[in-house]
C-alpha atoms as a PDB file:
ATOM      1  CA  UNK A   1     -53.687   3.087-179.427  1.00  0.00           C
ATOM      2  CA  UNK A   2     -53.186   2.959-175.676  1.00  0.00           C
ATOM      3  CA  UNK A   3     -51.068   5.539-173.911  1.00  0.00           C
ATOM      4  CA  UNK A   4     -47.891   4.503-172.137  1.00  0.00           C
ATOM      5  CA  UNK A   5     -49.655   5.578-168.931  1.00  0.00           C
ATOM      6  CA  UNK A   6     -52.460   3.056-169.547  1.00  0.00           C
ATOM      7  CA  UNK A   7     -50.009   0.315-170.521  1.00  0.00           C
ATOM      8  CA  UNK A   8     -47.865   0.979-167.453  1.00  0.00           C
ATOM      9  CA  UNK A   9     -50.891   0.980-165.160  1.00  0.00           C
ATOM     10  CA  UNK A  10     -52.166  -2.304-166.620  1.00  0.00           C
ATOM     11  CA  UNK A  11     -48.699  -3.850-166.329  1.00  0.00           C
ATOM     12  CA  UNK A  12     -48.462  -2.751-162.704  1.00  0.00           C
ATOM     13  CA  UNK A  13     -51.925  -4.157-161.996  1.00  0.00           C
ATOM     14  CA  UNK A  14     -50.902  -7.481-163.569  1.00  0.00           C
ATOM     15  CA  UNK A  15     -47.703  -7.430-161.514  1.00  0.00           C
ATOM     16  CA  UNK A  16     -49.639  -6.824-158.291  1.00  0.00           C
ATOM     17  CA  UNK A  17     -52.194  -9.528-159.056  1.00  0.00           C
ATOM     18  CA  UNK A  18     -49.428 -12.091-159.580  1.00  0.00           C
ATOM     19  CA  UNK A  19     -47.996 -11.495-156.109  1.00  0.00           C
ATOM     20  CA  UNK A  20     -48.927 -14.097-153.500  1.00  0.00           C
ATOM     21  CA  UNK A  21     -49.366 -11.392-150.873  1.00  0.00           C
ATOM     22  CA  UNK A  22     -50.555  -7.978-151.962  1.00  0.00           C
ATOM     23  CA  UNK A  23     -50.623  -6.255-148.582  1.00  0.00           C
ATOM     24  CA  UNK A  24     -47.341  -4.431-149.189  1.00  0.00           C
ATOM     25  CA  UNK A  25     -48.083  -3.317-152.776  1.00  0.00           C
ATOM     26  CA  UNK A  26     -49.683   0.078-153.254  1.00  0.00           C
ATOM     27  CA  UNK A  27     -52.421   0.763-155.787  1.00  0.00           C
ATOM     28  CA  UNK A  28     -51.310   2.763-158.851  1.00  0.00           C
ATOM     29  CA  UNK A  29     -52.623   6.011-157.368  1.00  0.00           C
ATOM     30  CA  UNK A  30     -50.619   5.363-154.205  1.00  0.00           C
ATOM     31  CA  UNK A  31     -47.273   5.213-156.031  1.00  0.00           C
ATOM     32  CA  UNK A  32     -44.984   8.208-156.079  1.00  0.00           C
ATOM     33  CA  UNK A  33     -44.691  10.107-159.348  1.00  0.00           C
ATOM     34  CA  UNK A  34     -41.112   8.858-159.715  1.00  0.00           C
ATOM     35  CA  UNK A  35     -42.263   5.253-159.409  1.00  0.00           C
ATOM     36  CA  UNK A  36     -45.083   5.776-161.908  1.00  0.00           C
ATOM     37  CA  UNK A  37     -42.572   7.356-164.305  1.00  0.00           C
ATOM     38  CA  UNK A  38     -40.336   4.297-163.914  1.00  0.00           C
ATOM     39  CA  UNK A  39     -43.255   2.056-164.894  1.00  0.00           C
ATOM     40  CA  UNK A  40     -43.980   4.337-167.883  1.00  0.00           C
ATOM     41  CA  UNK A  41     -40.337   4.064-168.951  1.00  0.00           C
ATOM     42  CA  UNK A  42     -40.555   0.290-168.701  1.00  0.00           C
ATOM     43  CA  UNK A  43     -43.762   0.304-170.774  1.00  0.00           C
ATOM     44  CA  UNK A  44     -42.066   2.432-173.454  1.00  0.00           C
ATOM     45  CA  UNK A  45     -39.087   0.065-173.533  1.00  0.00           C
ATOM     46  CA  UNK A  46     -41.340  -2.986-173.836  1.00  0.00           C
ATOM     47  CA  UNK A  47     -43.277  -1.331-176.668  1.00  0.00           C
ATOM     48  CA  UNK A  48     -40.043  -0.499-178.502  1.00  0.00           C
ATOM     49  CA  UNK A  49     -38.828  -4.077-178.161  1.00  0.00           C
ATOM     50  CA  UNK A  50     -42.144  -5.472-179.409  1.00  0.00           C
ATOM     51  CA  UNK A  51     -42.090  -3.136-182.416  1.00  0.00           C
ATOM     52  CA  UNK A  52     -38.609  -4.376-183.342  1.00  0.00           C
ATOM     53  CA  UNK A  53     -39.790  -7.989-183.264  1.00  0.00           C
ATOM     54  CA  UNK A  54     -42.802  -7.325-185.480  1.00  0.00           C
END
């Protein structure tokens, strides 16, 4: 099972790759800890919602 960290990082990477211009978006390692934690929280919430559906 993937960690929430891995899920959040992959989600952020997918988000960045969908942007038409990526010059303003930082790589995962360039984000502040607070921003990374926000992505982790979002990943946890998405996982909880998916579990409820299945």
